[in-house]
């Protein structure tokens, strides 16, 4: 791996407890994928993740716990996410059913802040990564 010159630092989720839970899964090597809604990137005029991007994963207290490198980025609809991706997200029992329910709750909670509502055909930015440091 080449040494990066720019890092992004952020936490998973929308609250400290979720950030702690998900960052622990990264540290344990269980979580190697994540997703966000494309609408958020557009509403906030944020650049999309890209292959080779380095990310400092923060826990719920804002402490760095891992460094990851993005290995794949794909735009998929919520209803196109498959069991393999759900498993790689590492949450709950790692099933697609769990993934769908947990993410429906998450997006239903967070999308109103940007004037959107959850829908099964909403576009997601699906990211796979490897842990470079923990």
N, C-alpha and C. Protein backbone atom coordinates (compact mmCIF):
# COMPACT_ATOMS: atom_id res chain seq x y z
N UNK A 1 0.83 -1.18 0.00
CA UNK A 1 0.00 0.00 0.00
C UNK A 1 0.88 1.24 0.00
N UNK A 2 0.52 2.19 -0.86
CA UNK A 2 1.20 3.47 -0.86
C UNK A 2 0.75 4.28 0.34
N UNK A 3 1.64 5.09 0.84
CA UNK A 3 1.27 5.96 1.96
C UNK A 3 0.38 7.08 1.45
N UNK A 4 -0.75 7.29 2.10
CA UNK A 4 -1.65 8.36 1.65
C UNK A 4 -1.13 9.73 2.05
N UNK A 5 -1.57 10.73 1.32
CA UNK A 5 -1.23 12.10 1.67
C UNK A 5 -2.42 12.83 2.28
N UNK A 6 -3.63 12.28 2.06
CA UNK A 6 -4.85 12.88 2.59
C UNK A 6 -5.68 11.80 3.25
N UNK A 7 -6.19 12.10 4.42
CA UNK A 7 -7.07 11.18 5.15
C UNK A 7 -8.40 11.86 5.41
N UNK A 8 -9.45 11.08 5.44
CA UNK A 8 -10.73 11.55 5.95
C UNK A 8 -10.89 10.90 7.32
N UNK A 9 -11.46 11.60 8.26
CA UNK A 9 -11.69 11.03 9.60
C UNK A 9 -13.15 11.24 9.96
N UNK A 10 -13.82 10.15 10.30
CA UNK A 10 -15.24 10.23 10.63
C UNK A 10 -15.66 8.97 11.36
N UNK A 11 -16.86 9.04 11.93
CA UNK A 11 -17.43 7.90 12.64
C UNK A 11 -18.58 7.32 11.82
N UNK A 12 -18.86 6.05 12.02
CA UNK A 12 -20.03 5.43 11.42
C UNK A 12 -21.28 5.87 12.18
N UNK A 13 -22.41 5.86 11.50
CA UNK A 13 -23.69 6.06 12.16
C UNK A 13 -24.00 7.50 12.47
N UNK A 14 -25.07 7.68 13.24
CA UNK A 14 -25.55 9.02 13.55
C UNK A 14 -25.61 9.31 15.04
N UNK A 15 -24.95 8.46 15.84
CA UNK A 15 -24.92 8.71 17.28
C UNK A 15 -23.72 7.97 17.88
N UNK A 16 -23.25 8.39 19.05
CA UNK A 16 -22.05 7.79 19.64
C UNK A 16 -22.15 6.29 19.89
N UNK A 17 -23.31 5.81 20.33
CA UNK A 17 -23.45 4.37 20.61
C UNK A 17 -23.29 3.56 19.33
N UNK A 18 -23.91 4.01 18.24
CA UNK A 18 -23.78 3.30 16.97
C UNK A 18 -22.35 3.39 16.46
N UNK A 19 -21.72 4.54 16.61
CA UNK A 19 -20.32 4.69 16.20
C UNK A 19 -19.42 3.72 16.96
N UNK A 20 -19.65 3.56 18.26
CA UNK A 20 -18.87 2.60 19.05
C UNK A 20 -19.08 1.18 18.56
N UNK A 21 -20.34 0.82 18.34
CA UNK A 21 -20.67 -0.54 17.90
C UNK A 21 -20.03 -0.86 16.55
N UNK A 22 -20.17 0.04 15.59
CA UNK A 22 -19.67 -0.23 14.25
C UNK A 22 -18.16 -0.13 14.16
N UNK A 23 -17.56 0.80 14.88
CA UNK A 23 -16.09 0.89 14.85
C UNK A 23 -15.46 -0.34 15.49
N UNK A 24 -16.11 -0.89 16.52
CA UNK A 24 -15.60 -2.12 17.14
C UNK A 24 -15.61 -3.27 16.13
N UNK A 25 -16.64 -3.33 15.28
CA UNK A 25 -16.70 -4.38 14.26
C UNK A 25 -15.56 -4.23 13.25
N UNK A 26 -15.17 -2.99 12.95
CA UNK A 26 -14.03 -2.76 12.05
C UNK A 26 -12.76 -3.26 12.72
N UNK A 27 -12.55 -2.88 13.96
CA UNK A 27 -11.34 -3.28 14.70
C UNK A 27 -11.25 -4.80 14.79
N UNK A 28 -12.39 -5.47 14.99
CA UNK A 28 -12.42 -6.93 15.09
C UNK A 28 -12.25 -7.61 13.74
N UNK A 29 -12.28 -6.86 12.65
CA UNK A 29 -12.15 -7.44 11.32
C UNK A 29 -13.45 -8.00 10.77
N UNK A 30 -14.56 -7.74 11.42
CA UNK A 30 -15.86 -8.25 11.00
C UNK A 30 -16.48 -7.36 9.93
N UNK A 31 -16.38 -6.07 10.09
CA UNK A 31 -16.99 -5.10 9.17
C UNK A 31 -15.98 -4.67 8.12
N UNK A 32 -16.25 -5.00 6.86
CA UNK A 32 -15.37 -4.62 5.75
C UNK A 32 -16.15 -3.92 4.63
N UNK A 33 -17.36 -3.47 4.96
CA UNK A 33 -18.18 -2.74 3.99
C UNK A 33 -19.08 -1.77 4.73
N UNK A 34 -19.53 -0.77 4.01
CA UNK A 34 -20.47 0.21 4.56
C UNK A 34 -21.22 0.84 3.40
N UNK A 35 -22.26 1.57 3.73
CA UNK A 35 -22.99 2.29 2.68
C UNK A 35 -23.59 3.56 3.25
N UNK A 36 -23.85 4.48 2.37
CA UNK A 36 -24.53 5.71 2.72
C UNK A 36 -25.48 6.07 1.59
N UNK A 37 -26.42 6.95 1.86
CA UNK A 37 -27.35 7.31 0.80
C UNK A 37 -26.73 8.37 -0.11
N UNK A 38 -26.85 8.15 -1.40
CA UNK A 38 -26.31 9.07 -2.39
C UNK A 38 -26.92 10.46 -2.24
N UNK A 39 -28.17 10.52 -1.83
CA UNK A 39 -28.84 11.81 -1.66
C UNK A 39 -28.11 12.71 -0.66
N UNK A 40 -27.55 12.11 0.39
CA UNK A 40 -26.82 12.89 1.39
C UNK A 40 -25.59 13.55 0.75
N UNK A 41 -24.83 12.76 -0.02
CA UNK A 41 -23.66 13.31 -0.70
C UNK A 41 -24.06 14.47 -1.60
N UNK A 42 -25.17 14.30 -2.32
CA UNK A 42 -25.63 15.35 -3.23
C UNK A 42 -26.10 16.58 -2.46
N UNK A 43 -26.88 16.37 -1.40
CA UNK A 43 -27.42 17.50 -0.62
C UNK A 43 -26.31 18.31 0.05
N UNK A 44 -25.26 17.64 0.47
CA UNK A 44 -24.15 18.31 1.17
C UNK A 44 -23.00 18.67 0.23
N UNK A 45 -23.17 18.37 -1.07
CA UNK A 45 -22.15 18.63 -2.08
C UNK A 45 -20.81 18.01 -1.68
N UNK A 46 -20.87 16.75 -1.27
CA UNK A 46 -19.68 16.03 -0.84
C UNK A 46 -19.14 15.15 -1.97
N UNK A 47 -17.84 14.99 -2.04
CA UNK A 47 -17.29 14.06 -3.03
C UNK A 47 -17.61 12.62 -2.62
N UNK A 48 -17.80 11.77 -3.60
CA UNK A 48 -18.05 10.36 -3.30
C UNK A 48 -16.76 9.68 -2.88
N UNK A 49 -16.87 8.63 -2.07
CA UNK A 49 -15.67 7.83 -1.76
C UNK A 49 -15.06 7.30 -3.06
N UNK A 50 -13.78 6.98 -3.02
CA UNK A 50 -13.11 6.47 -4.21
C UNK A 50 -12.12 5.38 -3.81
N UNK A 51 -11.85 4.50 -4.76
CA UNK A 51 -10.89 3.42 -4.53
C UNK A 51 -9.53 4.03 -4.22
N UNK A 52 -8.91 3.54 -3.17
CA UNK A 52 -7.62 4.05 -2.72
C UNK A 52 -7.72 5.11 -1.64
N UNK A 53 -8.93 5.56 -1.34
CA UNK A 53 -9.13 6.56 -0.29
C UNK A 53 -8.83 5.94 1.08
N UNK A 54 -8.18 6.71 1.93
CA UNK A 54 -7.87 6.29 3.29
C UNK A 54 -8.81 7.00 4.25
N UNK A 55 -9.25 6.26 5.24
CA UNK A 55 -10.23 6.79 6.18
C UNK A 55 -9.83 6.42 7.59
N UNK A 56 -9.78 7.41 8.47
CA UNK A 56 -9.54 7.17 9.89
C UNK A 56 -10.91 6.96 10.53
N UNK A 57 -11.13 5.76 11.06
CA UNK A 57 -12.40 5.42 11.69
C UNK A 57 -12.36 5.90 13.14
N UNK A 58 -13.36 6.69 13.51
CA UNK A 58 -13.47 7.21 14.86
C UNK A 58 -14.53 6.45 15.64
N UNK A 59 -14.33 6.31 16.94
CA UNK A 59 -15.36 5.71 17.78
C UNK A 59 -16.34 6.81 18.21
N UNK A 60 -17.26 6.46 19.08
CA UNK A 60 -18.29 7.41 19.50
C UNK A 60 -17.78 8.59 20.30
N UNK A 61 -16.54 8.49 20.80
CA UNK A 61 -15.93 9.60 21.54
C UNK A 61 -15.04 10.45 20.64
N UNK A 62 -14.96 10.08 19.36
CA UNK A 62 -14.12 10.82 18.44
C UNK A 62 -12.67 10.37 18.43
N UNK A 63 -12.39 9.24 19.10
CA UNK A 63 -11.02 8.71 19.11
C UNK A 63 -10.78 7.85 17.87
N UNK A 64 -9.61 7.96 17.24
CA UNK A 64 -9.30 7.08 16.12
C UNK A 64 -9.06 5.65 16.60
N UNK A 65 -9.66 4.69 15.90
CA UNK A 65 -9.52 3.29 16.29
C UNK A 65 -8.98 2.42 15.17
N UNK A 66 -9.04 2.91 13.93
CA UNK A 66 -8.56 2.13 12.79
C UNK A 66 -8.35 3.05 11.60
N UNK A 67 -7.56 2.57 10.65
CA UNK A 67 -7.40 3.24 9.36
C UNK A 67 -7.78 2.23 8.30
N UNK A 68 -8.65 2.64 7.37
CA UNK A 68 -9.07 1.75 6.30
C UNK A 68 -8.69 2.33 4.95
N UNK A 69 -8.62 1.44 3.96
CA UNK A 69 -8.42 1.85 2.57
C UNK A 69 -9.59 1.34 1.76
N UNK A 70 -10.22 2.21 1.01
CA UNK A 70 -11.35 1.84 0.17
C UNK A 70 -10.87 1.00 -1.00
N UNK A 71 -11.53 -0.15 -1.20
CA UNK A 71 -11.15 -1.07 -2.27
C UNK A 71 -12.19 -1.16 -3.39
N UNK A 72 -13.43 -0.73 -3.10
CA UNK A 72 -14.48 -0.79 -4.12
C UNK A 72 -15.57 0.21 -3.77
N UNK A 73 -16.09 0.89 -4.78
CA UNK A 73 -17.22 1.81 -4.61
C UNK A 73 -18.21 1.51 -5.72
N UNK A 74 -19.47 1.34 -5.34
CA UNK A 74 -20.51 1.03 -6.32
C UNK A 74 -21.81 1.71 -5.89
N UNK A 75 -22.51 2.28 -6.85
CA UNK A 75 -23.84 2.84 -6.59
C UNK A 75 -24.85 1.73 -6.85
N UNK A 76 -25.65 1.43 -5.82
CA UNK A 76 -26.70 0.41 -5.94
C UNK A 76 -27.96 0.95 -5.29
N UNK A 77 -29.08 0.47 -5.76
CA UNK A 77 -30.33 0.79 -5.08
C UNK A 77 -30.40 -0.04 -3.80
N UNK A 78 -31.13 0.48 -2.82
CA UNK A 78 -31.34 -0.24 -1.56
C UNK A 78 -31.82 -1.66 -1.83
N UNK A 79 -32.79 -1.82 -2.73
CA UNK A 79 -33.36 -3.14 -2.99
C UNK A 79 -32.45 -4.03 -3.85
N UNK A 80 -31.30 -3.52 -4.27
CA UNK A 80 -30.33 -4.32 -5.02
C UNK A 80 -29.16 -4.81 -4.17
N UNK A 81 -29.11 -4.38 -2.93
CA UNK A 81 -28.04 -4.86 -2.04
C UNK A 81 -28.24 -6.35 -1.82
N UNK A 82 -27.16 -7.11 -1.94
CA UNK A 82 -27.28 -8.57 -1.84
C UNK A 82 -26.75 -9.10 -0.51
N UNK A 83 -26.93 -10.40 -0.32
CA UNK A 83 -26.55 -11.05 0.94
C UNK A 83 -25.05 -10.94 1.20
N UNK A 84 -24.24 -10.99 0.14
CA UNK A 84 -22.79 -10.91 0.33
C UNK A 84 -22.39 -9.55 0.91
N UNK A 85 -22.98 -8.48 0.38
CA UNK A 85 -22.66 -7.15 0.89
C UNK A 85 -23.15 -7.00 2.33
N UNK A 86 -24.37 -7.47 2.60
CA UNK A 86 -24.92 -7.40 3.96
C UNK A 86 -24.01 -8.14 4.93
N UNK A 87 -23.50 -9.29 4.54
CA UNK A 87 -22.59 -10.06 5.38
C UNK A 87 -21.32 -9.26 5.66
N UNK A 88 -20.77 -8.62 4.64
CA UNK A 88 -19.54 -7.85 4.80
C UNK A 88 -19.74 -6.61 5.66
N UNK A 89 -20.96 -6.08 5.71
CA UNK A 89 -21.23 -4.96 6.62
C UNK A 89 -21.08 -5.39 8.06
N UNK A 90 -21.28 -6.69 8.34
CA UNK A 90 -20.93 -7.25 9.64
C UNK A 90 -21.88 -6.99 10.79
N UNK A 91 -23.03 -6.43 10.52
CA UNK A 91 -23.93 -6.03 11.61
C UNK A 91 -24.94 -7.12 11.95
N UNK A 92 -25.33 -7.16 13.23
CA UNK A 92 -26.34 -8.11 13.68
C UNK A 92 -25.94 -9.54 13.36
N UNK A 93 -26.88 -10.30 12.79
CA UNK A 93 -26.58 -11.70 12.44
C UNK A 93 -25.97 -11.81 11.05
N UNK A 94 -25.68 -10.68 10.43
CA UNK A 94 -25.03 -10.55 9.12
C UNK A 94 -25.90 -11.01 7.96
N UNK A 95 -27.18 -11.20 8.21
CA UNK A 95 -28.10 -11.62 7.15
C UNK A 95 -28.61 -10.42 6.37
N UNK A 96 -29.10 -10.69 5.16
CA UNK A 96 -29.70 -9.63 4.35
C UNK A 96 -30.96 -9.08 5.02
N UNK A 97 -31.74 -9.95 5.64
CA UNK A 97 -32.96 -9.50 6.33
C UNK A 97 -32.61 -8.52 7.45
N UNK A 98 -31.59 -8.84 8.25
CA UNK A 98 -31.17 -7.93 9.31
C UNK A 98 -30.68 -6.61 8.71
N UNK A 99 -29.85 -6.71 7.67
CA UNK A 99 -29.31 -5.51 7.03
C UNK A 99 -30.44 -4.61 6.56
N UNK A 100 -31.43 -5.20 5.88
CA UNK A 100 -32.54 -4.39 5.34
C UNK A 100 -33.30 -3.67 6.46
N UNK A 101 -33.62 -4.38 7.54
CA UNK A 101 -34.38 -3.77 8.63
C UNK A 101 -33.57 -2.68 9.33
N UNK A 102 -32.30 -2.96 9.64
CA UNK A 102 -31.46 -1.98 10.33
C UNK A 102 -31.25 -0.73 9.48
N UNK A 103 -31.02 -0.91 8.19
CA UNK A 103 -30.77 0.24 7.33
C UNK A 103 -32.06 1.00 7.01
N UNK A 104 -33.17 0.30 6.94
CA UNK A 104 -34.45 1.01 6.76
C UNK A 104 -34.69 1.93 7.96
N UNK A 105 -34.44 1.42 9.17
CA UNK A 105 -34.59 2.25 10.37
C UNK A 105 -33.64 3.45 10.33
N UNK A 106 -32.38 3.18 9.99
CA UNK A 106 -31.37 4.24 9.94
C UNK A 106 -31.75 5.33 8.93
N UNK A 107 -32.05 4.92 7.70
CA UNK A 107 -32.37 5.91 6.67
C UNK A 107 -33.69 6.62 6.96
N UNK A 108 -34.65 5.93 7.53
CA UNK A 108 -35.92 6.57 7.91
C UNK A 108 -35.69 7.65 8.97
N UNK A 109 -34.67 7.44 9.79
CA UNK A 109 -34.32 8.39 10.85
C UNK A 109 -33.50 9.57 10.31
N UNK A 110 -32.63 9.33 9.35
CA UNK A 110 -31.68 10.36 8.94
C UNK A 110 -32.09 11.15 7.69
N UNK A 111 -32.84 10.55 6.80
CA UNK A 111 -33.18 11.22 5.54
C UNK A 111 -34.03 12.49 5.68
N UNK A 112 -34.96 12.57 6.64
CA UNK A 112 -35.74 13.80 6.75
C UNK A 112 -34.89 15.06 6.93
N UNK A 113 -33.71 14.94 7.48
CA UNK A 113 -32.83 16.10 7.67
C UNK A 113 -32.41 16.74 6.34
N UNK A 114 -32.48 15.96 5.25
CA UNK A 114 -32.14 16.52 3.93
C UNK A 114 -33.39 16.57 3.04
N UNK A 115 -34.56 16.47 3.65
CA UNK A 115 -35.80 16.60 2.90
C UNK A 115 -36.18 15.38 2.07
N UNK A 116 -35.71 14.23 2.47
CA UNK A 116 -35.99 12.99 1.73
C UNK A 116 -36.66 11.98 2.65
N UNK A 117 -37.24 10.95 2.03
CA UNK A 117 -37.84 9.85 2.77
C UNK A 117 -37.25 8.54 2.26
N UNK A 118 -37.23 7.55 3.14
CA UNK A 118 -36.76 6.23 2.76
C UNK A 118 -37.61 5.67 1.62
N UNK A 119 -36.96 5.01 0.68
CA UNK A 119 -37.66 4.22 -0.34
C UNK A 119 -36.77 3.05 -0.72
N UNK A 120 -37.39 1.97 -1.12
CA UNK A 120 -36.62 0.76 -1.44
C UNK A 120 -35.80 0.91 -2.71
N UNK A 121 -36.08 1.91 -3.52
CA UNK A 121 -35.28 2.11 -4.73
C UNK A 121 -34.31 3.29 -4.60
N UNK A 122 -34.09 3.75 -3.37
CA UNK A 122 -33.17 4.87 -3.15
C UNK A 122 -31.73 4.45 -3.49
N UNK A 123 -30.94 5.37 -4.03
CA UNK A 123 -29.56 5.04 -4.39
C UNK A 123 -28.62 5.07 -3.18
N UNK A 124 -27.79 4.05 -3.11
CA UNK A 124 -26.80 3.95 -2.03
C UNK A 124 -25.40 3.96 -2.62
N UNK A 125 -24.48 4.50 -1.86
CA UNK A 125 -23.06 4.42 -2.19
C UNK A 125 -22.51 3.27 -1.35
N UNK A 126 -22.24 2.15 -2.01
CA UNK A 126 -21.78 0.94 -1.32
C UNK A 126 -20.26 0.86 -1.42
N UNK A 127 -19.62 0.76 -0.28
CA UNK A 127 -18.16 0.83 -0.18
C UNK A 127 -17.63 -0.43 0.49
N UNK A 128 -16.61 -1.01 -0.12
CA UNK A 128 -15.86 -2.09 0.53
C UNK A 128 -14.49 -1.53 0.88
N UNK A 129 -13.93 -2.03 1.98
CA UNK A 129 -12.64 -1.51 2.44
C UNK A 129 -11.84 -2.61 3.11
N UNK A 130 -10.56 -2.35 3.25
CA UNK A 130 -9.70 -3.23 4.03
C UNK A 130 -9.10 -2.41 5.16
N UNK A 131 -8.84 -3.08 6.26
CA UNK A 131 -8.25 -2.39 7.41
C UNK A 131 -6.73 -2.37 7.23
N UNK A 132 -6.18 -1.17 7.23
CA UNK A 132 -4.73 -1.00 7.09
C UNK A 132 -4.05 -0.93 8.44
N UNK A 133 -4.78 -0.46 9.45
CA UNK A 133 -4.22 -0.32 10.79
C UNK A 133 -5.35 -0.37 11.80
N UNK A 134 -5.11 -1.10 12.89
CA UNK A 134 -6.08 -1.11 13.99
C UNK A 134 -5.34 -1.11 15.30
